[in-house]
Protein backbone atom coordinates (compact mmCIF):
# COMPACT_ATOMS: atom_id res chain seq x y z
CA ARG A 1 -3.04 3.79 -23.10
CA ILE A 2 -3.12 1.13 -20.29
CA LEU A 3 -0.04 0.10 -18.46
CA ILE A 4 0.25 -3.44 -16.91
CA THR A 5 2.80 -4.52 -14.40
CA SER A 6 3.04 -7.35 -11.82
CA ILE A 7 5.84 -6.56 -9.35
CA ALA A 8 5.93 -3.78 -6.76
CA THR A 9 9.33 -2.28 -7.64
CA SER A 10 10.35 1.25 -8.65
CA THR A 11 8.68 0.67 -11.99
CA ILE A 12 5.21 0.74 -10.50
CA GLY A 13 5.95 4.24 -9.28
CA TRP A 14 6.85 5.36 -12.79
CA LEU A 15 3.71 3.79 -14.15
CA VAL A 16 1.39 5.30 -11.55
CA MET A 17 3.03 8.79 -12.00
CA SER A 18 2.36 8.73 -15.78
CA GLU A 19 -1.37 9.20 -14.95
CA LYS A 20 -2.46 6.49 -17.29
CA PRO A 21 -4.58 3.57 -16.10
CA VAL A 22 -2.41 0.99 -14.41
CA VAL A 23 -3.34 -2.64 -13.96
CA PHE A 24 -1.33 -4.37 -11.18
CA ILE A 25 -1.18 -8.26 -11.09
CA ASN A 26 -0.42 -9.33 -7.65
CA ARG A 27 1.63 -12.34 -8.02
CA TYR A 28 1.54 -14.36 -4.79
CA ALA A 29 4.52 -16.50 -5.68
CA ASP A 30 6.72 -13.57 -6.30
CA ASN A 31 6.78 -10.87 -3.64
CA PRO A 32 3.03 -10.25 -3.07
CA LEU A 33 1.78 -7.05 -1.59
CA THR A 34 1.39 -6.62 2.10
CA LYS A 35 -2.14 -6.51 3.41
CA GLU A 36 -2.02 -2.67 3.81
CA ALA A 37 -0.53 -2.13 0.42
CA HIS A 38 -3.11 -4.59 -1.14
CA VAL A 39 -6.03 -2.48 0.23
CA ALA A 40 -4.48 0.69 -1.04
CA PHE A 41 -3.50 -0.57 -4.47
CA SER A 42 -6.90 -2.19 -4.92
CA LYS A 43 -8.53 1.12 -4.44
CA GLY A 44 -6.08 3.26 -6.36
CA LEU A 45 -5.27 1.04 -9.25
CA PHE A 46 -6.88 -1.92 -11.13
CA LEU A 47 -5.54 -4.82 -9.06
CA PHE A 48 -5.90 -8.51 -9.99
CA ASP A 49 -4.70 -11.38 -7.65
CA ASP A 50 -3.20 -14.31 -9.64
CA ILE A 51 -4.50 -16.67 -7.03
CA ASP A 52 -8.15 -15.78 -7.67
CA LYS A 53 -10.20 -18.76 -9.19
CA ASN A 54 -11.29 -16.55 -12.16
CA PHE A 55 -8.14 -14.49 -12.55
CA HIS A 56 -7.62 -14.87 -16.28
CA GLU A 57 -11.31 -14.48 -17.14
CA ASN A 58 -11.61 -11.31 -14.85
CA LEU A 59 -8.46 -9.74 -16.37
CA TYR A 60 -9.58 -10.60 -19.90
CA LYS A 61 -13.15 -9.11 -19.32
CA PHE A 62 -11.53 -5.94 -17.74
CA LEU A 63 -9.05 -5.41 -20.56
CA SER A 64 -11.79 -6.09 -23.21
CA LEU A 65 -13.74 -3.01 -21.93
CA PRO A 66 -13.62 0.19 -24.18
CA ILE A 67 -10.65 2.34 -23.34
CA ASP A 68 -13.00 5.23 -22.70
CA LYS A 69 -14.81 3.08 -19.90
CA ILE A 70 -11.40 2.16 -18.24
CA GLU A 71 -10.18 5.78 -18.35
CA GLU A 72 -13.57 6.80 -16.72
CA LEU A 73 -13.11 4.16 -14.02
CA TRP A 74 -9.46 5.38 -13.64
CA LYS A 75 -10.58 8.88 -12.84
CA LYS A 76 -12.94 7.76 -10.20
CA LYS A 77 -9.97 6.18 -8.38
CA GLU A 78 -8.07 9.49 -8.15
CA VAL A 79 -8.63 10.23 -4.52
CA ASP A 80 -7.67 6.81 -3.43
CA ARG A 81 -4.75 6.78 -5.87
CA ASN A 82 -3.43 10.07 -4.32
CA TYR A 83 -3.69 8.44 -0.87
CA MET A 84 -1.77 5.42 -2.16
CA ILE A 85 0.87 7.62 -3.71
CA ASN A 86 1.42 9.62 -0.50
CA HIS A 87 1.65 6.55 1.56
CA PHE A 88 3.65 4.09 -0.60
CA PHE A 89 5.76 5.98 -3.01
CA THR A 90 8.78 8.26 -2.38
CA SER A 91 7.70 10.49 -5.20
CA SER A 92 4.70 11.68 -3.28
CA SER A 93 2.55 14.62 -4.64
CA LYS A 94 3.36 16.55 -1.34
CA LYS A 95 7.09 16.43 -2.07
CA ASN A 96 7.84 15.04 1.27
CA SER A 97 9.60 11.83 0.30
CA GLY A 98 12.45 12.41 2.77
CA LYS A 99 10.09 12.62 5.70
CA ILE A 100 8.22 9.46 4.44
CA SER A 101 11.42 7.47 3.98
CA ALA A 102 12.88 8.60 7.43
CA LYS A 103 9.58 7.57 9.11
CA MET A 104 9.53 4.08 7.49
CA ILE A 105 13.28 3.51 8.32
CA MET A 106 12.69 4.64 12.00
CA GLU A 107 9.45 2.41 12.35
CA ARG A 108 11.03 -0.64 10.80
CA TYR A 109 14.61 -0.64 12.20
CA PHE A 110 14.65 1.61 15.28
CA LYS A 111 11.44 0.71 17.30
CA HIS A 112 11.84 1.24 20.95
């Protein structure tokens, strides 16, 4: 009932869209999140940075919570998660993935 991943590939989109609680482990040695994505992911998902001093302890404590508590905390993140989805995933809830992709390409590769 809880999904865990550690790399921001297409898999994260599938997990987020499942509507189940998602734990994202931000691995700094292997394609860490950008600052902007880190802020959004930390608000919309359960994010743990592997470079934090108490990383393992914090992750263990979180995963030891009752599932009902984790699901309650997950529901509280819904507004922030929707923002994250609409800004970072092509399968956005507004069904405007083409516009989002075009904007990202234009801004990244065709700046004037």
